[in-house]
């Protein structure tokens, strides 16, 4: 039981660290999808559904090397697009904010 709890805590810490990295720097959309959704079949589709766009749009963004910075999708050139993170990912950001306030 202790081993399973430690493994879960390690996974939570890893997720919190990635969320912290996303707050302060640029993260490629490809890395975001691989980390939060995994690299198995259907990951891009689940991400597209959570972002409220089509899977084809996610593929276009991946081809353009779109990145996330300050909660916005940005391409190497033009206008940023606001990203609304799903609640299950947003919880890692709110955890970080609580930790910094304490």
Protein backbone atom coordinates (compact mmCIF):
# COMPACT_ATOMS: atom_id res chain seq x y z
CA UNK A 1 0.00 0.00 0.00
CA UNK A 2 2.82 2.41 0.91
CA UNK A 3 4.60 1.65 -2.37
CA UNK A 4 1.48 2.47 -4.40
CA UNK A 5 0.96 5.71 -2.45
CA UNK A 6 4.58 6.72 -3.07
CA UNK A 7 4.23 5.98 -6.80
CA UNK A 8 1.07 8.09 -6.95
CA UNK A 9 2.76 10.95 -5.08
CA UNK A 10 5.72 10.80 -7.50
CA UNK A 11 3.31 10.99 -10.46
CA UNK A 12 1.54 13.99 -8.90
CA UNK A 13 4.88 15.73 -8.29
CA UNK A 14 5.89 15.12 -11.91
CA UNK A 15 2.59 16.61 -13.12
CA UNK A 16 2.97 19.63 -10.84
CA UNK A 17 6.51 20.25 -12.08
CA UNK A 18 5.36 20.14 -15.71
CA UNK A 19 2.52 22.56 -14.90
CA UNK A 20 5.08 24.85 -13.23
CA UNK A 21 7.28 24.62 -16.34
CA UNK A 22 4.29 25.58 -18.49
CA UNK A 23 3.64 28.66 -16.34
CA UNK A 24 7.09 30.12 -16.83
CA UNK A 25 8.21 29.14 -20.29
CA UNK A 26 7.30 27.94 -23.74
CA UNK A 27 6.13 24.34 -24.11
CA UNK A 28 5.62 22.81 -27.53
CA UNK A 29 2.08 21.59 -28.13
CA UNK A 30 3.59 18.21 -29.04
CA UNK A 31 5.20 17.97 -25.57
CA UNK A 32 1.95 19.10 -23.91
CA UNK A 33 -0.03 16.37 -25.67
CA UNK A 34 2.55 13.66 -24.97
CA UNK A 35 2.76 14.58 -21.29
CA UNK A 36 -0.91 15.07 -20.43
CA UNK A 37 -2.55 12.67 -22.90
CA UNK A 38 0.20 10.12 -23.53
CA UNK A 39 1.57 9.05 -26.87
CA UNK A 40 -0.90 6.27 -27.60
CA UNK A 41 -3.54 6.29 -30.30
CA UNK A 42 -6.27 8.89 -29.78
CA UNK A 43 -4.23 11.35 -27.72
CA UNK A 44 -4.54 14.17 -30.27
CA UNK A 45 -8.27 13.54 -30.58
CA UNK A 46 -8.78 13.74 -26.81
CA UNK A 47 -6.71 16.93 -26.70
CA UNK A 48 -8.75 18.43 -29.55
CA UNK A 49 -11.98 17.58 -27.75
CA UNK A 50 -10.73 19.22 -24.53
CA UNK A 51 -9.60 22.34 -26.42
CA UNK A 52 -12.85 22.52 -28.39
CA UNK A 53 -11.26 22.24 -31.83
CA UNK A 54 -11.13 19.58 -34.53
CA UNK A 55 -8.40 16.92 -34.61
CA UNK A 56 -7.39 18.33 -38.00
CA UNK A 57 -6.73 21.71 -36.36
CA UNK A 58 -4.49 20.05 -33.78
CA UNK A 59 -2.58 18.34 -36.62
CA UNK A 60 -2.13 21.70 -38.37
CA UNK A 61 -0.84 23.24 -35.13
CA UNK A 62 1.60 20.36 -34.68
CA UNK A 63 2.90 20.85 -38.22
CA UNK A 64 3.42 24.57 -37.47
CA UNK A 65 5.33 23.80 -34.23
CA UNK A 66 2.81 25.73 -32.17
CA UNK A 67 3.79 26.24 -28.54
CA UNK A 68 2.00 27.24 -25.34
CA UNK A 69 3.20 30.27 -23.42
CA UNK A 70 1.29 32.10 -20.67
CA UNK A 71 -1.78 29.92 -21.32
CA UNK A 72 -1.91 30.95 -24.98
CA UNK A 73 -1.23 28.92 -28.09
CA UNK A 74 1.35 30.75 -30.16
CA UNK A 75 2.86 30.08 -33.51
CA UNK A 76 6.38 31.10 -34.30
CA UNK A 77 4.94 34.14 -36.10
CA UNK A 78 1.45 35.66 -35.58
CA UNK A 79 -1.44 36.14 -33.15
CA UNK A 80 -1.82 34.08 -29.96
CA UNK A 81 -4.90 31.93 -29.38
CA UNK A 82 -6.30 31.62 -25.83
CA UNK A 83 -6.24 28.10 -24.42
CA UNK A 84 -8.85 26.93 -21.96
CA UNK A 85 -7.29 24.00 -20.14
CA UNK A 86 -9.63 21.18 -19.07
CA UNK A 87 -10.42 21.08 -15.34
CA UNK A 88 -8.23 18.07 -14.69
CA UNK A 89 -5.16 19.92 -16.02
CA UNK A 90 -6.19 23.27 -14.55
CA UNK A 91 -6.12 21.69 -11.08
CA UNK A 92 -2.32 21.38 -11.32
CA UNK A 93 -2.03 25.11 -12.01
CA UNK A 94 -4.30 26.04 -9.10
CA UNK A 95 -2.25 23.75 -6.85
CA UNK A 96 0.90 25.66 -7.89
CA UNK A 97 -0.80 28.99 -7.16
CA UNK A 98 -1.84 27.81 -3.69
CA UNK A 99 1.72 26.67 -2.96
CA UNK A 100 3.23 30.02 -3.96
CA UNK A 101 0.75 31.95 -1.78
CA UNK A 102 1.60 29.89 1.31
